[in-house]
């Protein structure tokens, strides 16, 4: 048996009521899969969605939470897990597989002493990244990397607005964009969150909805409905709104006249590929950039970490060390 944090039940209004930290059976290792002794994992909003019953059915319970992991495989190699699990036989961009899943959706997740993943989902961990730092990369930082450089196609000298300056994806977007030579603006609901954004690399930070000093080449957004109109107004003609989520709602105003008249692009982005995860780690190695860790907790304190994330009192990533 092993210690794990898992969903026992769902509750949309009180997601933490279904969280259990206790014993689960040691995982079996199918042919072609690899067992990882987890040294560190980081929390994501995906964990709260799972506890609410989004993207998972009751007959899949109990489900160990967690998408991200850095640890040691059975050969003793230090590795990072790419958490996009593809259907057998899929080739090409892993994020385009219609039958893909993330760890903790169909397969047990990473908030445990051990996790098993397809051997193809294991990436060597750079020696200069700690386990805690590496555990922040496979979801939030990989999502940010793909938004900026793959889906957004941004290059040094361009400008970007990052909406919502304190979450894991947004803080990664700010840090990566600044390190890549972009002009970076950000929004935050409080002066404290705006200060976090400038500390991470934003040239300027503003309250939500504020007028920008200039129209930008791209807006990066994980919030959705609450900032949609502002995001479109902030773009220069031909600009790109790259969206990876909708934590405030999924029914934004259409603004179609603005989209077609200014030839704006609305681009969806989700997670990233194994190759992009390797590129991200190389970027960090050469630039010296490191993920911002809000706090590090033991497995028994997962509830505290998820509560902080749910309340929005987080600046960066919450890491669970095992």
Protein backbone atom coordinates (compact mmCIF):
# COMPACT_ATOMS: atom_id res chain seq x y z
CA UNK A 1 0.00 0.00 0.00
CA UNK A 2 1.04 3.62 -0.55
CA UNK A 3 -0.04 7.05 0.71
CA UNK A 4 -2.08 9.12 -1.73
CA UNK A 5 -4.52 12.03 -2.00
CA UNK A 6 -7.64 10.94 -3.86
CA UNK A 7 -11.22 11.84 -4.73
CA UNK A 8 -13.73 9.60 -2.92
CA UNK A 9 -16.80 11.57 -4.06
CA UNK A 10 -17.84 14.69 -5.99
CA UNK A 11 -19.38 17.94 -4.77
CA UNK A 12 -19.66 20.95 -7.08
CA UNK A 13 -20.17 23.41 -4.22
CA UNK A 14 -17.79 21.90 -1.66
CA UNK A 15 -15.16 20.02 -3.66
CA UNK A 16 -12.83 19.43 -0.72
CA UNK A 17 -15.49 17.35 1.04
CA UNK A 18 -14.64 14.46 -1.29
CA UNK A 19 -10.87 14.59 -0.68
CA UNK A 20 -9.22 11.76 1.21
CA UNK A 21 -5.57 11.39 2.18
CA UNK A 22 -4.93 7.76 2.96
CA UNK A 23 -3.79 4.37 1.74
CA UNK A 24 -4.23 3.12 -1.83
CA UNK A 25 -2.95 -0.11 -3.44
CA UNK A 26 0.50 0.02 -5.02
CA UNK A 27 0.06 0.44 -8.79
CA UNK A 28 0.56 -2.44 -11.18
CA UNK A 29 2.91 -1.76 -14.10
CA UNK A 30 1.48 -2.82 -17.50
CA UNK A 31 3.78 -3.76 -20.37
CA UNK A 32 5.22 -0.62 -21.95
CA UNK A 33 4.61 1.47 -18.82
CA UNK A 34 7.04 2.77 -16.19
CA UNK A 35 6.73 3.18 -12.43
CA UNK A 36 7.90 6.49 -10.95
CA UNK A 37 8.65 7.08 -7.27
CA UNK A 38 7.23 10.58 -6.95
CA UNK A 39 9.51 13.09 -5.25
CA UNK A 40 7.42 16.19 -5.98
CA UNK A 41 4.13 17.08 -7.61
CA UNK A 42 2.31 20.40 -8.01
CA UNK A 43 -1.35 21.29 -7.66
CA UNK A 44 -3.54 22.50 -10.52
CA UNK A 45 -7.11 23.73 -10.86
CA UNK A 46 -7.69 20.43 -12.65
CA UNK A 47 -7.57 18.79 -9.20
CA UNK A 48 -10.47 20.95 -8.00
CA UNK A 49 -12.43 20.24 -11.19
CA UNK A 50 -11.98 16.52 -10.56
CA UNK A 51 -13.33 16.90 -7.02
CA UNK A 52 -16.33 18.69 -8.54
CA UNK A 53 -16.93 15.78 -10.92
CA UNK A 54 -15.95 17.59 -14.11
CA UNK A 55 -14.43 15.34 -16.78
CA UNK A 56 -14.77 12.19 -14.69
CA UNK A 57 -17.60 9.76 -13.90
CA UNK A 58 -18.56 8.32 -10.53
CA UNK A 59 -17.66 4.78 -11.61
CA UNK A 60 -14.01 5.90 -11.92
CA UNK A 61 -13.77 6.65 -8.21
CA UNK A 62 -11.69 6.49 -6.14
CA UNK A 63 -9.28 8.51 -8.32
CA UNK A 64 -5.86 9.66 -7.18
CA UNK A 65 -5.50 13.36 -7.98
CA UNK A 66 -2.57 15.11 -9.66
CA UNK A 67 -1.29 15.70 -13.19
CA UNK A 68 2.33 16.68 -12.57
CA UNK A 69 5.26 14.69 -11.22
CA UNK A 70 9.02 14.62 -10.99
CA UNK A 71 10.69 11.61 -9.48
CA UNK A 72 12.87 8.56 -9.94
CA UNK A 73 12.12 5.56 -12.15
CA UNK A 74 12.95 1.98 -11.23
CA UNK A 75 16.34 2.27 -12.94
CA UNK A 76 17.29 5.18 -10.68
CA UNK A 77 16.98 7.86 -13.39
CA UNK A 78 15.58 11.26 -12.43
CA UNK A 79 12.59 12.01 -14.68
CA UNK A 80 9.65 14.33 -15.35
CA UNK A 81 6.26 12.99 -16.37
CA UNK A 82 4.41 14.27 -19.44
CA UNK A 83 0.82 13.86 -18.33
CA UNK A 84 -1.02 13.76 -21.68
CA UNK A 85 -1.89 10.07 -22.15
CA UNK A 86 -2.68 9.18 -25.76
CA UNK A 87 -4.79 6.38 -27.18
CA UNK A 88 -2.76 3.36 -28.40
CA UNK A 89 -1.43 3.92 -31.90
CA UNK A 90 -1.72 7.72 -31.88
CA UNK A 91 1.14 9.60 -33.54
CA UNK A 92 1.73 13.30 -34.08
CA UNK A 93 0.77 16.20 -31.81
CA UNK A 94 -0.36 14.53 -28.59
CA UNK A 95 -2.79 17.35 -27.73
CA UNK A 96 -4.84 16.73 -30.91
CA UNK A 97 -5.72 13.12 -30.09
CA UNK A 98 -9.52 13.15 -29.57
CA UNK A 99 -9.19 10.20 -27.18
CA UNK A 100 -6.37 11.67 -25.09
CA UNK A 101 -6.68 12.06 -21.34
CA UNK A 102 -4.68 13.57 -18.52
CA UNK A 103 -3.44 11.68 -15.51
CA UNK A 104 -6.21 11.61 -12.87
CA UNK A 105 -8.94 11.42 -15.54
CA UNK A 106 -8.79 7.85 -16.87
CA UNK A 107 -5.57 6.81 -15.14
CA UNK A 108 -4.58 7.30 -11.51
CA UNK A 109 -2.75 10.56 -10.82
CA UNK A 110 0.47 11.76 -9.28
CA UNK A 111 -0.48 12.80 -5.73
CA UNK A 112 0.88 9.52 -4.42
CA UNK A 113 4.11 7.83 -3.51
CA UNK A 114 4.11 6.06 -6.90
CA UNK A 115 2.57 6.67 -10.32
CA UNK A 116 2.70 4.54 -13.48
CA UNK A 117 2.74 6.10 -16.94
CA UNK A 118 3.48 4.96 -20.49
CA UNK A 119 7.24 4.75 -20.95
CA UNK A 120 6.93 7.24 -23.82
CA UNK A 121 5.66 9.84 -21.31
CA UNK A 122 8.90 9.96 -19.34
CA UNK A 123 11.36 12.81 -19.97
CA UNK A 124 14.84 13.05 -18.36
CA UNK A 125 14.97 15.71 -15.64
CA UNK A 126 17.77 18.27 -16.11
CA UNK A 127 20.25 18.01 -13.26
CA UNK A 128 20.08 21.75 -12.55
CA UNK A 129 16.32 21.64 -11.86
CA UNK A 130 15.17 20.51 -8.43
CA UNK A 131 12.36 17.98 -8.19
CA UNK A 132 10.09 20.74 -6.86
CA UNK A 133 10.89 23.05 -9.78
CA UNK A 134 10.52 20.28 -12.35
CA UNK A 135 7.12 19.28 -10.93
CA UNK A 136 5.73 22.71 -11.85
CA UNK A 137 6.40 22.27 -15.57
CA UNK A 138 4.20 19.58 -17.16
CA UNK A 139 0.84 21.37 -16.82
CA UNK A 140 0.95 25.10 -16.00
CA UNK A 141 4.35 25.96 -17.45
CA UNK A 142 3.94 23.74 -20.50
CA UNK A 143 0.52 25.31 -21.13
CA UNK A 144 2.09 28.77 -20.93
CA UNK A 145 4.96 27.80 -23.23
CA UNK A 146 2.58 26.49 -25.90
CA UNK A 147 0.33 29.55 -25.62
CA UNK A 148 3.22 31.93 -26.10
CA UNK A 149 5.47 30.31 -28.64
CA UNK A 150 3.49 27.60 -30.45
CA UNK A 151 -0.12 28.75 -30.68
CA UNK A 152 0.68 32.45 -30.20
CA UNK A 153 3.82 32.38 -32.35
CA UNK A 154 5.22 35.33 -30.40
CA UNK A 155 8.78 36.53 -30.94
CA UNK A 156 11.11 38.99 -29.15
CA UNK A 157 10.04 42.60 -29.53
CA UNK A 158 6.30 41.90 -29.59
CA UNK A 159 3.88 42.77 -26.80
CA UNK A 160 1.52 40.65 -24.70
CA UNK A 161 -1.15 41.11 -22.05
CA UNK A 162 -1.52 38.33 -19.46
CA UNK A 163 -4.92 38.29 -17.76
CA UNK A 164 -5.05 37.28 -14.10
CA UNK A 165 -1.57 37.65 -12.71
CA UNK A 166 -1.38 35.19 -9.81
CA UNK A 167 -2.34 31.70 -11.06
CA UNK A 168 0.10 29.03 -12.16
CA UNK A 169 -0.40 29.49 -15.91
CA UNK A 170 -0.47 33.30 -15.75
CA UNK A 171 2.68 33.59 -13.64
CA UNK A 172 4.46 31.22 -16.02
CA UNK A 173 3.30 33.29 -19.01
CA UNK A 174 4.68 36.46 -17.45
CA UNK A 175 8.06 34.97 -16.59
CA UNK A 176 8.52 33.18 -19.93
CA UNK A 177 7.40 36.19 -21.97
CA UNK A 178 9.80 38.55 -20.20
CA UNK A 179 12.69 36.10 -20.52
CA UNK A 180 11.95 35.80 -24.26
CA UNK A 181 12.24 39.56 -24.83
CA UNK A 182 8.57 40.54 -25.07
CA UNK A 183 6.93 43.64 -23.62
CA UNK A 184 4.70 42.23 -20.90
CA UNK A 185 1.57 43.75 -19.37
CA UNK A 186 -0.61 41.99 -16.79
CA UNK A 187 -3.81 42.41 -14.83
CA UNK A 188 -4.47 41.51 -11.22
CA UNK A 189 -7.51 41.95 -8.98
CA UNK A 190 -5.54 43.49 -6.10
CA UNK A 191 -2.49 45.69 -5.70
CA UNK A 192 -0.72 42.70 -4.14
CA UNK A 193 -1.38 40.56 -7.23
CA UNK A 194 -0.23 43.39 -9.49
CA UNK A 195 2.97 43.63 -7.44
CA UNK A 196 3.51 39.88 -7.93
CA UNK A 197 3.18 40.37 -11.68
CA UNK A 198 5.81 43.11 -11.82
CA UNK A 199 8.11 41.11 -9.56
CA UNK A 200 7.85 38.19 -11.99
CA UNK A 201 8.73 40.34 -14.97
CA UNK A 202 5.70 42.33 -16.15
CA UNK A 203 6.71 45.81 -17.27
CA UNK A 204 3.42 47.16 -15.91
CA UNK A 205 0.40 45.69 -14.12
CA UNK A 206 -3.15 47.03 -13.93
CA UNK A 207 -6.56 46.29 -12.40
CA UNK A 208 -8.89 44.13 -14.53
CA UNK A 209 -10.46 46.09 -17.36
CA UNK A 210 -7.95 48.95 -17.24
CA UNK A 211 -6.92 50.77 -20.40
CA UNK A 212 -3.54 49.54 -21.63
CA UNK A 213 -0.67 51.90 -22.55
CA UNK A 214 -0.78 50.42 -26.06
CA UNK A 215 -2.67 47.77 -27.99
CA UNK A 216 -0.83 44.46 -27.84
CA UNK A 217 0.07 41.72 -30.30
CA UNK A 218 -1.49 39.01 -28.14
CA UNK A 219 -3.57 38.44 -25.02
CA UNK A 220 -3.08 35.25 -23.00
CA UNK A 221 -6.17 34.28 -21.02
CA UNK A 222 -7.27 31.45 -18.74
CA UNK A 223 -10.19 33.37 -17.18
CA UNK A 224 -12.74 33.56 -19.98
CA UNK A 225 -16.08 35.32 -19.63
CA UNK A 226 -15.13 38.00 -17.08
CA UNK A 227 -12.27 39.45 -19.17
CA UNK A 228 -13.29 38.52 -22.72
CA UNK A 229 -14.41 41.97 -23.90
CA UNK A 230 -11.38 43.62 -22.32
CA UNK A 231 -9.04 41.11 -23.97
CA UNK A 232 -10.42 41.87 -27.43
CA UNK A 233 -10.29 45.64 -26.85
CA UNK A 234 -6.61 45.35 -25.85
CA UNK A 235 -5.56 43.80 -29.19
CA UNK A 236 -4.12 45.70 -32.11
CA UNK A 237 -5.53 44.92 -35.59
CA UNK A 238 -4.58 41.38 -36.52
CA UNK A 239 -3.85 40.51 -32.89
CA UNK A 240 -4.34 37.13 -31.23
CA UNK A 241 -6.40 36.14 -28.21
CA UNK A 242 -4.98 32.82 -26.99
CA UNK A 243 -7.27 31.09 -24.52
CA UNK A 244 -6.55 27.98 -22.44
CA UNK A 245 -9.41 28.01 -19.94
CA UNK A 246 -12.53 29.67 -18.58
CA UNK A 247 -12.41 29.81 -14.80
CA UNK A 248 -14.94 32.67 -14.72
CA UNK A 249 -17.43 31.18 -17.18
CA UNK A 250 -17.77 29.83 -20.70
CA UNK A 251 -20.31 32.25 -22.22
CA UNK A 252 -18.42 35.42 -23.18
CA UNK A 253 -20.02 38.20 -25.23
CA UNK A 254 -19.47 37.44 -28.91
CA UNK A 255 -17.91 40.78 -29.95
CA UNK A 256 -18.06 39.47 -33.53
CA UNK A 257 -18.00 42.94 -35.07
CA UNK A 258 -14.68 43.68 -33.37
CA UNK A 259 -13.27 40.28 -34.33
CA UNK A 260 -14.04 40.51 -38.04
CA UNK A 261 -13.47 44.25 -38.51
CA UNK A 262 -10.02 44.17 -36.85
CA UNK A 263 -9.25 40.69 -38.21
CA UNK A 264 -8.54 39.38 -34.74
CA UNK A 265 -7.65 35.74 -34.15
CA UNK A 266 -9.18 33.70 -31.31
CA UNK A 267 -6.94 30.68 -30.73
CA UNK A 268 -7.50 27.75 -28.42
CA UNK A 269 -4.57 26.12 -26.64
CA UNK A 270 -4.33 23.17 -24.29
CA UNK A 271 -1.36 21.63 -22.51
CA UNK A 272 1.58 20.80 -24.81
CA UNK A 273 3.53 17.99 -26.41
CA UNK A 274 6.36 15.92 -24.99
CA UNK A 275 8.74 17.64 -27.42
CA UNK A 276 7.55 21.05 -26.18
CA UNK A 277 8.14 19.96 -22.58
CA UNK A 278 11.75 19.13 -23.50
CA UNK A 279 12.05 22.53 -25.24
CA UNK A 280 10.68 24.27 -22.15
CA UNK A 281 13.22 22.56 -19.90
CA UNK A 282 16.01 23.56 -22.30
CA UNK A 283 14.73 27.15 -22.20
CA UNK A 284 14.96 27.17 -18.41
CA UNK A 285 18.42 25.60 -18.45
CA UNK A 286 19.87 28.21 -20.81
CA UNK A 287 18.02 31.25 -19.42
CA UNK A 288 18.34 30.47 -15.71
CA UNK A 289 14.59 31.07 -15.33
CA UNK A 290 12.87 29.00 -12.64
CA UNK A 291 9.22 28.42 -11.72
CA UNK A 292 7.76 30.58 -8.97
CA UNK A 293 6.79 28.34 -6.04
CA UNK A 294 4.21 29.87 -3.71
CA UNK A 295 4.69 27.23 -1.02
CA UNK A 296 5.88 23.67 -0.48
CA UNK A 297 3.73 21.28 1.55
CA UNK A 298 3.80 17.61 2.63
CA UNK A 299 1.24 15.18 1.22
CA UNK A 300 -0.84 15.32 4.41
CA UNK A 301 -1.39 19.08 3.78
CA UNK A 302 -2.86 18.73 0.27
CA UNK A 303 -6.21 20.00 1.59
CA UNK A 304 -4.58 23.26 2.72
CA UNK A 305 -2.97 23.72 -0.69
CA UNK A 306 -6.18 23.08 -2.60
CA UNK A 307 -8.11 25.46 -0.30
CA UNK A 308 -5.56 28.21 -0.95
CA UNK A 309 -5.79 27.64 -4.69
CA UNK A 310 -9.60 27.67 -4.58
CA UNK A 311 -9.60 30.98 -2.68
CA UNK A 312 -7.20 32.61 -5.13
CA UNK A 313 -4.59 33.41 -2.45
CA UNK A 314 -1.72 31.94 -4.44
CA UNK A 315 1.15 33.51 -6.37
CA UNK A 316 2.76 30.78 -8.45
CA UNK A 317 2.66 27.04 -7.89
CA UNK A 318 1.92 24.98 -4.80
CA UNK A 319 4.29 22.00 -4.63
CA UNK A 320 3.68 18.79 -2.69
CA UNK A 321 6.90 17.01 -1.71
CA UNK A 322 6.94 13.30 -0.90
